[in-house]
Every structure is written in structure tokens, then in C-alpha cells.
Protein backbone atom coordinates (compact mmCIF):
# COMPACT_ATOMS: atom_id res chain seq x y z
CA MET A 1 -10.23 23.81 -8.57
CA ALA A 2 -8.41 25.26 -11.57
CA ALA A 3 -7.09 23.11 -14.34
CA ALA A 4 -3.45 22.07 -14.24
CA GLY A 5 -1.07 24.43 -15.96
CA THR A 6 -3.21 27.57 -15.59
CA HIS A 7 -0.52 29.52 -13.74
CA ASP A 8 2.40 31.46 -15.14
CA ALA A 9 6.08 31.70 -14.20
CA ILE A 10 5.42 34.36 -11.55
CA ASP A 11 2.71 32.24 -9.92
CA GLU A 12 5.17 29.34 -9.99
CA ALA A 13 7.80 31.47 -8.27
CA ILE A 14 5.30 32.53 -5.60
CA LEU A 15 4.24 28.93 -5.04
CA ARG A 16 7.84 27.73 -4.88
CA GLU A 17 8.75 30.37 -2.28
CA LEU A 18 5.66 29.78 -0.13
CA SER A 19 6.15 26.01 -0.22
CA ARG A 20 9.64 26.54 1.19
CA ASP A 21 8.53 29.06 3.81
CA ALA A 22 4.80 29.61 4.36
CA ARG A 23 5.58 32.40 6.84
CA MET A 24 7.24 34.51 4.17
CA THR A 25 5.86 38.05 4.15
CA LEU A 26 4.33 39.71 1.13
CA ALA A 27 7.30 42.11 1.14
CA GLN A 28 9.74 39.17 0.94
CA LEU A 29 7.69 37.60 -1.86
CA SER A 30 7.72 40.95 -3.62
CA GLU A 31 11.53 41.11 -3.45
CA ARG A 32 11.92 37.57 -4.77
CA THR A 33 9.45 37.92 -7.63
CA GLY A 34 10.10 41.51 -8.69
CA LEU A 35 6.44 42.48 -8.30
CA SER A 36 4.92 45.12 -6.06
CA VAL A 37 3.54 44.01 -2.72
CA SER A 38 -0.03 44.68 -3.91
CA ALA A 39 0.51 42.62 -7.09
CA VAL A 40 1.91 39.72 -5.03
CA GLN A 41 -1.03 39.96 -2.62
CA THR A 42 -3.49 39.86 -5.53
CA ARG A 43 -1.80 36.80 -7.00
CA VAL A 44 -1.63 34.98 -3.66
CA ARG A 45 -5.34 35.65 -3.05
CA ARG A 46 -6.17 34.40 -6.56
CA LEU A 47 -4.13 31.22 -5.98
CA GLU A 48 -6.00 30.71 -2.68
CA THR A 49 -9.40 31.32 -4.30
CA ARG A 50 -8.62 28.88 -7.12
CA GLY A 51 -7.67 26.23 -4.56
CA VAL A 52 -4.02 26.02 -5.63
CA ILE A 53 -3.00 27.19 -2.15
CA ARG A 54 -5.18 25.23 0.27
CA GLY A 55 -3.81 26.64 3.51
CA TYR A 56 -0.81 27.34 5.70
CA LYS A 57 0.37 25.32 8.67
CA ALA A 58 3.12 24.97 11.22
CA GLU A 59 5.49 22.02 10.89
CA LEU A 60 5.67 20.27 14.25
CA SER A 61 8.38 17.98 15.62
CA PRO A 62 6.95 14.53 16.43
CA GLU A 63 9.91 13.83 18.72
CA ALA A 64 9.41 17.05 20.70
CA LEU A 65 5.72 16.13 21.08
CA GLY A 66 6.57 12.68 22.44
CA LYS A 67 5.61 10.71 19.32
CA PRO A 68 8.90 9.48 17.86
CA LEU A 69 7.57 6.17 16.50
CA SER A 70 5.95 6.27 13.08
CA ALA A 71 4.60 3.43 10.98
CA PHE A 72 2.61 2.55 7.91
CA ILE A 73 -0.32 0.23 8.50
CA GLU A 74 -1.87 -1.51 5.51
CA ILE A 75 -5.43 -2.61 6.04
CA THR A 76 -7.73 -4.99 4.20
CA PRO A 77 -11.32 -5.85 5.10
CA LEU A 78 -11.97 -9.17 6.82
CA ASP A 79 -15.04 -9.54 4.59
CA PRO A 80 -14.63 -8.26 1.00
CA GLU A 81 -18.39 -7.64 0.93
CA GLN A 82 -18.38 -5.26 3.92
CA ALA A 83 -19.16 -1.58 3.40
CA ASP A 84 -16.22 0.57 2.31
CA ASP A 85 -16.39 3.00 5.23
CA VAL A 86 -12.95 2.52 6.78
CA PRO A 87 -11.95 6.22 6.70
CA GLN A 88 -15.09 7.17 8.63
CA LEU A 89 -14.66 4.30 11.10
CA LEU A 90 -11.08 5.34 11.91
CA GLU A 91 -11.21 9.13 11.82
CA HIS A 92 -11.69 9.30 15.61
CA LEU A 93 -8.17 7.89 16.18
CA PRO A 94 -5.80 10.89 16.47
CA ALA A 95 -2.64 8.77 16.06
CA ILE A 96 -3.61 8.27 12.41
CA GLU A 97 -2.13 11.23 10.53
CA ALA A 98 -3.09 10.10 7.03
CA CYS A 99 -5.39 7.56 5.42
CA TYR A 100 -4.80 6.72 1.75
CA SER A 101 -6.97 4.59 -0.52
CA VAL A 102 -4.46 2.43 -2.44
CA ALA A 103 -4.32 -0.02 -5.31
CA GLY A 104 -2.81 -3.45 -4.69
CA ASP A 105 -3.35 -6.12 -2.06
CA SER A 106 -4.45 -3.62 0.60
CA SER A 107 -7.43 -1.31 0.53
CA TYR A 108 -5.96 1.50 2.62
CA MET A 109 -2.59 2.65 3.88
CA LEU A 110 -2.46 4.55 7.16
CA PHE A 111 0.41 6.69 8.39
CA VAL A 112 0.54 6.81 12.18
CA ARG A 113 2.69 8.34 14.95
CA VAL A 114 2.79 7.10 18.54
CA PRO A 115 5.08 7.30 21.59
CA THR A 116 6.08 3.63 22.01
CA PRO A 117 5.87 0.14 20.49
CA ARG A 118 3.18 -0.71 23.04
CA ASP A 119 1.15 2.22 21.78
CA ILE A 120 1.38 0.91 18.23
CA GLU A 121 0.14 -2.49 19.44
CA ALA A 122 -2.81 -0.82 21.16
CA LEU A 123 -3.54 1.28 18.07
CA ILE A 124 -3.52 -1.80 15.83
CA ARG A 125 -6.02 -3.49 18.17
CA GLU A 126 -8.25 -0.40 18.02
CA ILE A 127 -8.04 -0.27 14.22
CA ARG A 128 -8.92 -3.96 13.88
CA LYS A 129 -11.84 -3.63 16.28
CA ALA A 130 -13.24 -0.39 14.85
CA ALA A 131 -13.00 -1.30 11.15
CA PHE A 132 -13.08 -5.13 11.11
CA VAL A 133 -9.86 -5.37 9.09
CA ASN A 134 -6.62 -7.29 8.83
CA THR A 135 -3.47 -5.20 9.27
CA ARG A 136 0.14 -5.33 8.15
CA THR A 137 2.48 -2.88 9.84
CA THR A 138 5.81 -1.45 8.73
CA VAL A 139 7.67 0.57 11.37
CA VAL A 140 9.70 3.53 10.12
CA LEU A 141 13.32 3.34 11.30
CA GLN A 142 14.52 6.66 9.88
CA THR A 143 12.97 9.41 7.75
CA PHE A 144 15.29 11.01 5.23
CA TYR A 145 12.76 13.51 3.90
CA GLU A 146 9.08 14.14 4.32
CA GLY A 147 6.62 16.85 3.34
CA ARG A 148 8.73 18.01 0.41
CA PRO A 149 7.27 20.89 -1.59
CA ILE A 150 5.22 19.84 -4.61
CA SER A 151 6.99 20.68 -7.85
CA VAL A 152 5.14 23.57 -9.48
CA THR A 153 6.59 23.00 -12.93
CA PRO A 154 6.24 19.84 -14.99
CA PRO A 155 9.41 17.69 -15.02
CA GLU A 156 11.66 17.91 -18.06
CA SER A 157 10.82 15.33 -20.70
CA ALA A 158 12.81 12.13 -20.29
CA GLY A 159 15.53 11.66 -22.86
CA GLU A 160 15.89 15.34 -23.81
CA ASP A 161 19.33 16.91 -23.53
């Protein structure tokens, strides 16, 4: 992967536009950046090759798919000496959308989506059984924003006017 900061203002504009709408055509990107379609295509391919753009995906509605309940599940091993293979032990559970290694009291933080509270209970039992861990669950009541685009420019220095 390329080092941070190895893209210019035009690459940043392309990344900003694609992060807002991954279905944007090369012609639309060309209009918004002031480059020719072929120049935009070359830059997009270079960003993909360098690993800056990792892929494109559809954003799905959990509610429309019957999975309105989301939660964070913190997990810690029952035995601190056990092998650190939790991600591999849990990857077969499709309700787990993300598994993060975290600092703090827990070892991992899972983000899950399920249809009902009973399903979350069953999932917690499966997690405990599969990975031999303690769990602590926080149910999400409302999501104000999620999946925001990553800022492509460094934030302004604090304290500057």
C-alpha cells in the first residue's frame, strides 16, 4: 500500500466523489474534476492498484433485510493463556459484520446485526461456545450516522485561525 500523503488534490477530489457515490461514472468524475475521462480512468486505476481504493460495494438496508437489531459485543477470553484465535473461531457466524481487536478491558469488539432480541441471545451463546469467552453486549437504540466517507485530507491543525 502507498504511503500516506502520496496523492494530490485531484486524487483527493476523485476519492471524495467516489466515497460519496461509488456508482459515479467516469464521465461524471471528469466533469467534477475538470480532467478528461481517460485521465480520470488512469487515476482511478492507479488509486486501485496502490490499494487506496480497495473496492466498491452496495449499501444495504438492514431493516429491509429483516435485521433491524444491531449491537456491539465485547469479548474477553475465559482463560488469558488461551490461544488468540477468536477471529478465526467466529468467522463462520454471518451475523457478525465486523470484528475489531481493541485496547482496554476487552480483547475484541464485534458489531452484529440480527432480527430479534432472541436472536441476539442465541448469537451470544454461539459466540461463548465457539470462542470460550465472556461477553458484554450493548444494544444499539438508534444510529445517527454510519459508514461515513474517510476524510482524504488531513484535518486542519488545532488552534490555527
